[in-house]
Amino acid sequence: MFRPIPFSEPPYLCGLPSPYYTPSHFRWQRACRAFVTENIHQYALEWEREGIVPPHVFRKFAEANMLIPSLPAPLPVQWLKRLDVHDILGVVKVEEWDYTHTAIFCDEMSRNGLAGPGASLTTGMAFGVPPLLKFGSQELQERFLPELLLGKKRACIAITEPGAGSDVAGIETTAEKTDDGKHYVINGTKKWITNGIWSHYCTMAVRTSGPGPAGLSLIVVPLLDYPGVSMRRLKVSGHLTSGTTFIELSDVQVPVSNLIGQEGQGMRYIMTNFNHERLTIAIGVTRQARVALSAAFEYCLQREAFGKALMEQAVVRHRLAKAGALLESQWAWMEQFVYQMTKLKKEEADMELGGLTAMAKAQAGIVLDECARCAVLLFGGNGFTTTGKGEIAEKIYREVPGARIPGGSEDVMLDLAVRQLVKNYSNQTKTLERPKGSSKL
């Protein structure tokens, strides 16, 4: 049985039995790891220091159809086959793809420990394209999907604003129709938009009518070199390569045919999209926690203090054990969650797992915080230094806020989870209640 550094790999890759993985999943994991190791992992730290992933890497992923795995499962088979995409890396047919393949992709993409390099490539496809696939008209899809799915053009999703983050209903960017009804005129700002700086198009949340969630809609908005659009990169803590962007929109005219679905349905579309976003974030963040903890474990086997290896100190073993228990519990939940996604229809999953997805995303951030802090403390001065032996621990620790805030801030996610559980329970129990005045018998 293969014995990697403890906590460095999920149990199914350590030779332990698992009910979740088929031969197709194992083939995909091996092919995926080889590809991302060759094209990302060996350069990830260097790119993060420089703050940019070279443009040729995106082209490499696009040419290999390795942006497509970031889409929600099942994949858009009909569209992909129209575009002559029949398999991914020659090992998984697009019609056989399930959420476990997606989870393996998210896990492998985060195996360098950094969220930025992977996010710089896949965030637009993962979160910007799905609303167009699910809710866009046939005409809208024909205009945009061929270039987006093949990676010939780049996209992003723009929900967050300076005054509206987790409170999506507070969005203030407006889209008003021209007098002739042919265009929307968009004014406002978007902030913390991943991949925005490189994106040709954006799936943007805008206010097309009155206040509150009923006034929101989604529109495809051109970005790069488009009149009225200005963009600049934002410096954030961690995720340095992901292209976090501030977007200003001044009288931006967009055809009304760029509306995704129906006016006033934007909030519903956004909430559906969030479930995929939060689950994939949780999976990637859990791998980051694994990288941090296993790096600390290996260091403690080698480093000596007070006349013996750190691992011989009971307090060190205790700290590793606490973090390890959280990590492996989180991963077991992720595997269970993904398996449920493979068995439920999309509508069922949204209802039954939507709130729990928010909870899983929040818990992943909590686990990362514990594992990254454990790593920094055990690396000591090296964990406080941006270069050298503890560089990976230092960098992962700076990414903790990026796990706990984007995609839904932690406290909001925990509250949302319980509110959704209460709602589902109340709706179910109401159907079992007796009509008033009916017999107790």
Protein backbone atom coordinates (compact mmCIF):
# COMPACT_ATOMS: atom_id res chain seq x y z
CA MET A 1 0.00 0.00 0.00
CA PHE A 2 1.31 3.44 -0.98
CA ARG A 3 2.33 5.50 2.08
CA PRO A 4 2.46 9.22 1.35
CA ILE A 5 3.13 11.84 4.01
CA PRO A 6 0.17 11.65 6.43
CA PHE A 7 -2.71 13.99 5.52
CA SER A 8 -1.16 14.72 2.09
CA GLU A 9 -3.68 12.68 0.07
CA PRO A 10 -7.35 11.75 0.49
CA PRO A 11 -7.83 8.17 1.70
CA TYR A 12 -9.02 6.83 -1.67
CA LEU A 13 -5.59 7.70 -3.14
CA CYS A 14 -3.78 5.91 -0.30
CA GLY A 15 -5.07 2.47 -1.25
CA LEU A 16 -7.98 2.50 1.19
CA PRO A 17 -11.39 1.24 0.01
CA SER A 18 -14.09 3.73 -0.93
CA PRO A 19 -17.64 3.23 -2.25
CA TYR A 20 -17.56 6.46 -4.27
CA TYR A 21 -14.95 5.94 -7.00
CA THR A 22 -15.24 3.86 -10.17
CA PRO A 23 -12.47 2.86 -12.62
CA SER A 24 -13.50 5.89 -14.69
CA HIS A 25 -12.80 8.17 -11.74
CA PHE A 26 -9.39 6.64 -11.11
CA ARG A 27 -8.44 6.97 -14.79
CA TRP A 28 -9.52 10.59 -14.74
CA GLN A 29 -7.62 11.33 -11.53
CA ARG A 30 -4.36 9.99 -12.99
CA ALA A 31 -4.75 11.88 -16.27
CA CYS A 32 -5.85 15.08 -14.54
CA ARG A 33 -2.95 15.00 -12.08
CA ALA A 34 -0.41 14.50 -14.84
CA PHE A 35 -1.81 17.40 -16.86
CA VAL A 36 -2.13 19.95 -14.05
CA THR A 37 1.24 19.00 -12.55
CA GLU A 38 2.94 19.59 -15.89
CA ASN A 39 1.10 22.81 -16.70
CA ILE A 40 0.47 24.48 -13.31
CA HIS A 41 1.86 22.97 -10.15
CA GLN A 42 5.56 23.09 -10.92
CA TYR A 43 5.28 26.84 -11.64
CA ALA A 44 2.53 27.90 -9.21
CA LEU A 45 4.71 29.49 -6.52
CA GLU A 46 6.73 31.40 -9.10
CA TRP A 47 3.60 32.73 -10.78
CA GLU A 48 2.07 33.70 -7.44
CA ARG A 49 5.17 35.71 -6.57
CA GLU A 50 4.92 37.50 -9.92
CA GLY A 51 1.15 37.95 -9.61
CA ILE A 52 0.30 36.59 -13.06
CA VAL A 53 -0.24 33.28 -14.84
CA PRO A 54 1.25 33.56 -18.37
CA PRO A 55 -1.44 33.80 -21.09
CA HIS A 56 -0.18 30.70 -22.89
CA VAL A 57 -1.34 28.55 -19.94
CA PHE A 58 -4.98 29.50 -20.55
CA ARG A 59 -4.55 28.63 -24.23
CA LYS A 60 -3.03 25.29 -23.26
CA PHE A 61 -6.00 24.46 -21.05
CA ALA A 62 -8.45 25.60 -23.71
CA GLU A 63 -6.83 23.53 -26.44
CA ALA A 64 -6.95 20.44 -24.20
CA ASN A 65 -10.60 21.14 -23.28
CA MET A 66 -9.44 21.34 -19.67
CA LEU A 67 -11.60 24.36 -18.88
CA ILE A 68 -14.75 22.31 -19.44
CA PRO A 69 -14.35 20.16 -16.27
CA SER A 70 -15.06 23.26 -14.16
CA LEU A 71 -18.67 23.34 -15.44
CA PRO A 72 -21.43 21.80 -13.31
CA ALA A 73 -22.14 18.13 -13.96
CA PRO A 74 -23.64 16.72 -16.07
CA LEU A 75 -21.80 18.49 -18.86
CA PRO A 76 -23.68 20.15 -21.77
CA VAL A 77 -23.22 17.09 -23.96
CA GLN A 78 -25.25 18.30 -26.93
CA TRP A 79 -23.30 21.55 -27.17
CA LEU A 80 -19.94 19.89 -26.67
CA LYS A 81 -20.52 17.30 -29.38
CA ARG A 82 -21.61 20.06 -31.75
CA LEU A 83 -18.21 21.61 -31.07
CA ASP A 84 -16.46 18.26 -31.66
CA VAL A 85 -15.63 17.75 -27.99
CA HIS A 86 -16.31 14.10 -27.21
CA ASP A 87 -14.06 13.38 -24.24
CA ILE A 88 -11.76 15.00 -21.68
CA LEU A 89 -8.06 14.08 -22.00
CA GLY A 90 -9.11 10.97 -23.87
CA VAL A 91 -10.15 9.15 -20.68
CA VAL A 92 -13.72 10.28 -19.90
CA LYS A 93 -16.51 10.62 -22.45
CA VAL A 94 -18.45 13.83 -21.94
CA GLU A 95 -21.72 11.90 -21.55
CA GLU A 96 -20.18 9.80 -18.74
CA TRP A 97 -19.02 12.79 -16.71
CA ASP A 98 -20.51 13.11 -13.21
CA TYR A 99 -19.97 15.30 -10.16
CA THR A 100 -17.29 12.99 -8.80
CA HIS A 101 -15.20 13.74 -11.89
CA THR A 102 -15.79 17.44 -11.17
CA ALA A 103 -14.71 17.03 -7.55
CA ILE A 104 -11.52 15.26 -8.59
CA PHE A 105 -10.75 18.15 -10.95
CA CYS A 106 -11.29 20.75 -8.19
CA ASP A 107 -9.14 18.76 -5.78
CA GLU A 108 -6.30 18.29 -8.24
CA MET A 109 -6.33 21.92 -9.38
CA SER A 110 -5.70 23.03 -5.77
CA ARG A 111 -2.94 20.53 -5.10
CA ASN A 112 -0.24 23.21 -5.26
CA GLY A 113 -1.88 24.78 -2.20
CA LEU A 114 -2.73 28.07 -3.90
CA ALA A 115 -6.16 29.14 -5.11
CA GLY A 116 -4.93 31.86 -7.49
CA PRO A 117 -3.35 29.95 -10.39
CA GLY A 118 -6.30 27.61 -10.85
CA ALA A 119 -8.87 30.36 -10.35
CA SER A 120 -7.15 32.50 -12.98
CA LEU A 121 -7.99 29.83 -15.55
CA THR A 122 -11.34 28.32 -14.58
CA THR A 123 -13.48 30.79 -12.62
CA GLY A 124 -15.08 32.32 -15.70
CA MET A 125 -16.06 28.96 -17.16
CA ALA A 126 -17.15 27.58 -13.79
CA PHE A 127 -19.45 30.41 -12.73
CA GLY A 128 -19.89 32.82 -15.67
CA VAL A 129 -20.97 30.34 -18.35
CA PRO A 130 -23.52 28.13 -16.48
CA PRO A 131 -26.32 30.76 -16.28
CA LEU A 132 -26.07 31.16 -20.05
CA LEU A 133 -26.25 27.39 -20.50
CA LYS A 134 -29.17 26.90 -18.15
CA PHE A 135 -31.31 29.99 -18.70
CA GLY A 136 -30.13 31.70 -21.90
CA SER A 137 -32.29 31.72 -25.04
CA GLN A 138 -31.21 29.63 -28.00
CA GLU A 139 -30.26 32.79 -29.89
CA LEU A 140 -28.13 34.04 -26.99
CA GLN A 141 -26.40 30.68 -26.65
CA GLU A 142 -25.65 30.53 -30.37
CA ARG A 143 -23.96 33.92 -30.19
CA PHE A 144 -21.72 33.26 -27.20
CA LEU A 145 -21.35 29.60 -26.25
CA PRO A 146 -19.17 28.30 -29.13
CA GLU A 147 -16.31 30.68 -28.36
CA LEU A 148 -16.74 30.48 -24.58
CA LEU A 149 -16.89 26.69 -24.31
CA LEU A 150 -13.80 26.31 -26.49
CA GLY A 151 -11.91 28.99 -24.59
CA LYS A 152 -11.56 31.27 -27.60
CA LYS A 153 -13.11 34.04 -25.53
CA ARG A 154 -13.06 34.51 -21.76
CA ALA A 155 -15.92 35.24 -19.38
CA CYS A 156 -16.49 36.10 -15.73
CA ILE A 157 -19.42 36.54 -13.38
CA ALA A 158 -20.05 39.92 -11.75
CA ILE A 159 -22.41 39.98 -8.80
CA THR A 160 -20.54 41.76 -6.00
CA GLU A 161 -20.46 45.53 -5.63
CA PRO A 162 -18.78 47.91 -3.16
CA GLY A 163 -22.03 48.08 -1.20
CA ALA A 164 -23.48 44.63 -1.91
CA GLY A 165 -21.50 41.47 -1.22
CA SER A 166 -23.28 38.55 0.41
CA ASP A 167 -26.41 40.75 0.42
CA VAL A 168 -27.13 40.16 -3.26
CA ALA A 169 -30.56 41.81 -3.02
CA GLY A 170 -28.78 45.10 -2.31
CA ILE A 171 -27.26 45.38 -5.81
CA GLU A 172 -27.44 48.96 -7.13
CA THR A 173 -26.01 48.71 -10.68
CA THR A 174 -28.89 49.69 -12.97
CA ALA A 175 -29.93 48.61 -16.45
CA GLU A 176 -32.53 50.91 -17.99
CA LYS A 177 -34.06 50.43 -21.40
CA THR A 178 -33.63 53.07 -24.07
CA ASP A 179 -36.73 54.83 -25.40
CA ASP A 180 -36.83 52.57 -28.44
CA GLY A 181 -36.58 49.47 -26.21
CA LYS A 182 -33.63 48.04 -28.12
CA HIS A 183 -30.86 48.47 -25.55
CA TYR A 184 -30.15 48.49 -21.84
CA VAL A 185 -28.04 51.37 -20.53
CA ILE A 186 -25.98 50.09 -17.61
CA ASN A 187 -24.47 52.26 -14.89
CA GLY A 188 -22.72 51.20 -11.69
CA THR A 189 -19.69 49.41 -10.31
CA LYS A 190 -18.64 45.83 -9.65
CA LYS A 191 -15.88 44.88 -7.24
CA TRP A 192 -13.78 41.82 -6.45
CA ILE A 193 -14.60 40.23 -9.81
CA THR A 194 -12.32 37.24 -10.41
CA ASN A 195 -10.92 37.05 -13.98
CA GLY A 196 -12.65 40.31 -14.91
CA ILE A 197 -9.51 42.02 -16.16
CA TRP A 198 -9.07 39.42 -18.95
CA SER A 199 -12.72 38.79 -19.79
CA HIS A 200 -14.37 39.55 -23.11
CA TYR A 201 -17.84 38.98 -21.62
CA CYS A 202 -19.46 39.03 -18.23
CA THR A 203 -22.60 37.50 -16.77
CA MET A 204 -23.66 40.53 -14.75
CA ALA A 205 -26.32 41.02 -12.09
CA VAL A 206 -28.14 44.32 -12.62
CA ARG A 207 -31.26 46.06 -11.37
CA THR A 208 -33.87 46.31 -14.13
CA SER A 209 -36.77 47.41 -11.92
CA GLY A 210 -37.61 48.23 -8.30
CA PRO A 211 -35.82 47.40 -5.04
CA GLY A 212 -35.21 43.97 -3.58
CA PRO A 213 -34.61 40.61 -5.22
CA ALA A 214 -37.56 40.89 -7.62
CA GLY A 215 -35.84 43.77 -9.42
CA LEU A 216 -32.72 41.83 -10.39
CA SER A 217 -31.83 40.38 -13.79
CA LEU A 218 -28.80 38.80 -15.46
CA ILE A 219 -27.34 40.27 -18.65
CA VAL A 220 -24.34 39.35 -20.79
CA VAL A 221 -22.19 42.49 -20.82
CA PRO A 222 -19.10 42.90 -23.08
CA LEU A 223 -16.05 44.09 -21.14
CA LEU A 224 -12.67 44.26 -22.91
CA ASP A 225 -12.36 47.42 -25.00
CA TYR A 226 -16.11 48.04 -24.81
CA PRO A 227 -17.38 51.66 -24.71
CA GLY A 228 -18.19 52.86 -21.22
CA VAL A 229 -16.37 49.99 -19.43
CA SER A 230 -13.22 50.60 -17.43
CA MET A 231 -11.38 47.96 -15.37
CA ARG A 232 -8.44 47.82 -13.03
CA ARG A 233 -6.89 45.06 -10.94
CA LEU A 234 -7.28 45.01 -7.18
CA LYS A 235 -4.56 43.93 -4.77
CA VAL A 236 -5.94 41.41 -2.31
CA SER A 237 -4.51 39.17 0.42
CA GLY A 238 -3.72 35.91 -1.37
CA HIS A 239 -5.18 34.83 -4.72
CA LEU A 240 -2.62 37.15 -6.30
CA THR A 241 -2.80 35.56 -9.74
CA SER A 242 -6.58 35.31 -10.02
CA GLY A 243 -7.13 38.72 -11.61
CA THR A 244 -9.40 40.31 -9.00
CA THR A 245 -10.96 43.31 -10.74
CA PHE A 246 -12.85 46.56 -10.13
CA ILE A 247 -15.28 47.36 -12.97
CA GLU A 248 -16.87 50.74 -13.64
CA LEU A 249 -19.81 51.03 -16.05
CA SER A 250 -20.81 54.41 -17.43
CA ASP A 251 -23.76 54.48 -19.88
CA VAL A 252 -22.81 51.06 -21.25
CA GLN A 253 -25.26 50.15 -24.02
CA VAL A 254 -26.06 46.46 -24.38
CA PRO A 255 -28.70 44.91 -26.70
CA VAL A 256 -31.85 43.76 -24.88
CA SER A 257 -31.28 40.38 -26.54
CA ASN A 258 -28.34 39.94 -24.12
CA LEU A 259 -30.81 39.39 -21.27
CA ILE A 260 -30.40 35.92 -19.75
CA GLY A 261 -33.82 34.35 -19.26
CA GLN A 262 -36.49 36.72 -18.01
CA GLU A 263 -36.38 40.11 -16.37
CA GLY A 264 -36.79 39.94 -12.61
CA GLN A 265 -35.59 36.34 -12.36
CA GLY A 266 -31.96 37.22 -11.71
CA MET A 267 -32.03 36.37 -8.01
CA ARG A 268 -33.30 32.86 -8.69
CA TYR A 269 -30.66 32.30 -11.36
CA ILE A 270 -27.92 33.61 -9.07
CA MET A 271 -28.93 31.39 -6.14
CA THR A 272 -28.90 28.31 -8.37
CA ASN A 273 -25.45 29.24 -9.64
CA PHE A 274 -24.14 29.77 -6.10
CA ASN A 275 -24.63 26.10 -5.18
CA HIS A 276 -22.05 24.92 -7.73
CA GLU A 277 -19.73 27.78 -6.82
CA ARG A 278 -19.82 27.09 -3.09
CA LEU A 279 -19.37 23.34 -3.40
CA THR A 280 -16.38 23.62 -5.73
CA ILE A 281 -14.84 26.28 -3.47
CA ALA A 282 -15.27 23.94 -0.50
CA ILE A 283 -13.54 21.08 -2.31
CA GLY A 284 -10.59 23.23 -3.41
CA VAL A 285 -10.22 24.84 0.01
CA THR A 286 -10.20 21.42 1.68
CA ARG A 287 -7.26 20.45 -0.54
CA GLN A 288 -5.46 23.65 0.42
CA ALA A 289 -5.89 22.66 4.08
CA ARG A 290 -4.43 19.26 3.21
CA VAL A 291 -1.37 20.85 1.58
CA ALA A 292 -0.74 23.10 4.58
CA LEU A 293 -1.12 20.37 7.18
CA SER A 294 0.93 17.74 5.35
CA ALA A 295 3.73 20.27 4.76
CA ALA A 296 3.82 20.93 8.51
CA PHE A 297 3.74 17.21 9.26
CA GLU A 298 6.75 16.57 7.02
CA TYR A 299 8.62 19.52 8.53
CA CYS A 300 8.02 18.24 12.06
CA LEU A 301 9.57 14.90 11.13
CA GLN A 302 12.77 16.69 10.11
CA ARG A 303 13.11 19.73 12.34
CA GLU A 304 14.83 19.36 15.70
CA ALA A 305 14.33 21.52 18.77
CA PHE A 306 15.23 21.00 22.41
CA GLY A 307 17.40 18.04 21.46
CA LYS A 308 14.83 16.00 19.54
CA ALA A 309 12.58 16.07 16.47
CA LEU A 310 9.50 18.27 16.75
CA MET A 311 7.36 15.19 16.13
CA GLU A 312 8.59 13.73 19.40
CA GLN A 313 7.00 16.62 21.28
CA ALA A 314 3.54 15.68 22.58
CA VAL A 315 2.20 19.20 22.14
CA VAL A 316 3.15 19.13 18.44
CA ARG A 317 1.41 15.78 17.88
CA HIS A 318 -1.65 17.11 19.67
CA ARG A 319 -1.85 20.16 17.43
CA LEU A 320 -1.46 18.03 14.28
CA ALA A 321 -4.13 15.60 15.51
CA LYS A 322 -6.71 18.33 16.13
CA ALA A 323 -6.20 19.85 12.70
CA GLY A 324 -6.09 16.42 11.03
CA ALA A 325 -9.39 15.36 12.57
CA LEU A 326 -11.08 18.47 11.19
CA LEU A 327 -9.49 17.97 7.78
CA GLU A 328 -10.47 14.34 7.29
CA SER A 329 -13.98 14.93 8.63
CA GLN A 330 -14.42 17.76 6.13
CA TRP A 331 -13.17 15.61 3.26
CA ALA A 332 -15.51 12.77 4.20
CA TRP A 333 -18.40 15.26 4.12
CA MET A 334 -17.27 16.51 0.72
CA GLU A 335 -17.22 12.98 -0.70
CA GLN A 336 -20.68 12.27 0.72
CA PHE A 337 -21.97 15.57 -0.64
CA VAL A 338 -20.63 14.91 -4.12
CA TYR A 339 -22.07 11.39 -4.16
CA GLN A 340 -25.49 12.82 -3.32
CA MET A 341 -25.10 15.26 -6.21
CA THR A 342 -24.60 12.31 -8.58
CA LYS A 343 -27.88 10.73 -7.43
CA LEU A 344 -30.21 13.73 -7.19
CA LYS A 345 -31.79 15.70 -10.00
CA LYS A 346 -30.66 19.34 -10.19
CA GLU A 347 -33.95 20.64 -8.77
CA GLU A 348 -33.86 18.15 -5.88
CA ALA A 349 -30.23 18.93 -5.12
CA ASP A 350 -30.90 22.67 -5.07
CA MET A 351 -33.73 22.20 -2.56
CA GLU A 352 -32.24 19.49 -0.35
CA LEU A 353 -28.58 20.49 -0.45
CA GLY A 354 -28.64 24.23 -1.15
CA GLY A 355 -28.46 25.27 2.50
CA LEU A 356 -26.01 22.51 3.34
CA THR A 357 -23.78 23.67 0.47
CA ALA A 358 -23.51 27.04 2.19
CA MET A 359 -22.65 25.27 5.45
CA ALA A 360 -20.03 23.10 3.76
CA LYS A 361 -18.40 26.13 2.16
CA ALA A 362 -18.28 27.93 5.52
CA GLN A 363 -16.89 24.88 7.30
CA ALA A 364 -14.18 24.44 4.66
CA GLY A 365 -12.95 27.95 5.45
CA ILE A 366 -12.93 27.17 9.18
CA VAL A 367 -10.94 23.98 8.56
CA LEU A 368 -8.45 25.84 6.35
CA ASP A 369 -8.01 28.45 9.06
CA GLU A 370 -7.16 25.76 11.62
CA CYS A 371 -4.82 23.80 9.33
CA ALA A 372 -3.03 26.87 7.94
CA ARG A 373 -2.57 28.37 11.41
CA CYS A 374 -1.28 25.03 12.68
CA ALA A 375 1.22 24.92 9.81
CA VAL A 376 2.50 28.45 10.38
CA LEU A 377 2.95 27.87 14.10
CA LEU A 378 4.80 24.59 13.61
CA PHE A 379 7.04 26.07 10.93
CA GLY A 380 7.86 28.81 13.42
CA GLY A 381 9.95 31.61 11.94
CA ASN A 382 9.98 29.82 8.59
CA GLY A 383 6.18 30.01 8.52
CA PHE A 384 6.38 33.75 8.99
CA THR A 385 8.73 34.20 6.04
CA THR A 386 7.63 34.70 2.43
CA THR A 387 10.49 32.60 1.04
CA GLY A 388 12.27 29.39 1.99
CA LYS A 389 11.06 26.26 3.74
CA GLY A 390 7.86 27.76 5.12
CA GLU A 391 6.82 29.74 2.04
CA ILE A 392 3.87 27.51 1.22
CA ALA A 393 2.50 27.74 4.78
CA GLU A 394 2.86 31.52 4.79
CA LYS A 395 1.11 31.85 1.44
CA ILE A 396 -1.75 29.51 2.32
CA TYR A 397 -2.33 31.35 5.60
CA ARG A 398 -2.74 34.62 3.68
CA GLU A 399 -5.41 32.91 1.57
CA VAL A 400 -7.65 32.04 4.52
CA PRO A 401 -9.78 35.23 4.17
CA GLY A 402 -10.21 34.36 0.49
CA ALA A 403 -11.82 31.10 1.56
CA ARG A 404 -14.03 32.58 4.27
CA ILE A 405 -15.36 35.67 2.46
CA PRO A 406 -15.79 35.29 -1.36
CA GLY A 407 -18.65 33.10 -2.55
CA GLY A 408 -20.65 34.10 0.53
CA SER A 409 -19.17 35.34 3.78
CA GLU A 410 -18.89 32.74 6.54
CA ASP A 411 -21.48 34.09 8.98
CA VAL A 412 -23.98 34.69 6.20
CA MET A 413 -23.45 31.13 4.95
CA LEU A 414 -24.00 29.58 8.37
CA ASP A 415 -27.18 31.59 8.86
CA LEU A 416 -28.42 30.76 5.36
CA ALA A 417 -27.84 27.06 5.98
CA VAL A 418 -30.02 26.95 9.09
CA ARG A 419 -32.73 29.15 7.55
CA GLN A 420 -32.92 26.80 4.57
CA LEU A 421 -33.11 23.74 6.83
CA VAL A 422 -35.94 25.35 8.81
CA LYS A 423 -37.75 26.25 5.59
CA ASN A 424 -37.52 22.72 4.20
CA TYR A 425 -38.62 21.20 7.51
CA SER A 426 -41.57 23.59 7.86
CA ASN A 427 -42.73 22.98 4.30
CA GLN A 428 -42.56 19.23 4.79
CA THR A 429 -44.34 19.18 8.15
CA LYS A 430 -47.11 21.44 6.89
CA THR A 431 -48.07 18.82 4.31
CA LEU A 432 -48.51 16.32 7.17
CA GLU A 433 -50.69 18.56 9.35
CA ARG A 434 -54.40 17.74 9.75
CA PRO A 435 -56.90 20.29 8.47
CA LYS A 436 -58.35 22.37 11.29
CA GLY A 437 -61.42 20.79 12.80
CA SER A 438 -60.60 17.32 11.55
CA SER A 439 -60.83 14.31 13.81
CA LYS A 440 -57.79 13.22 15.82
CA LEU A 441 -58.52 9.64 14.82
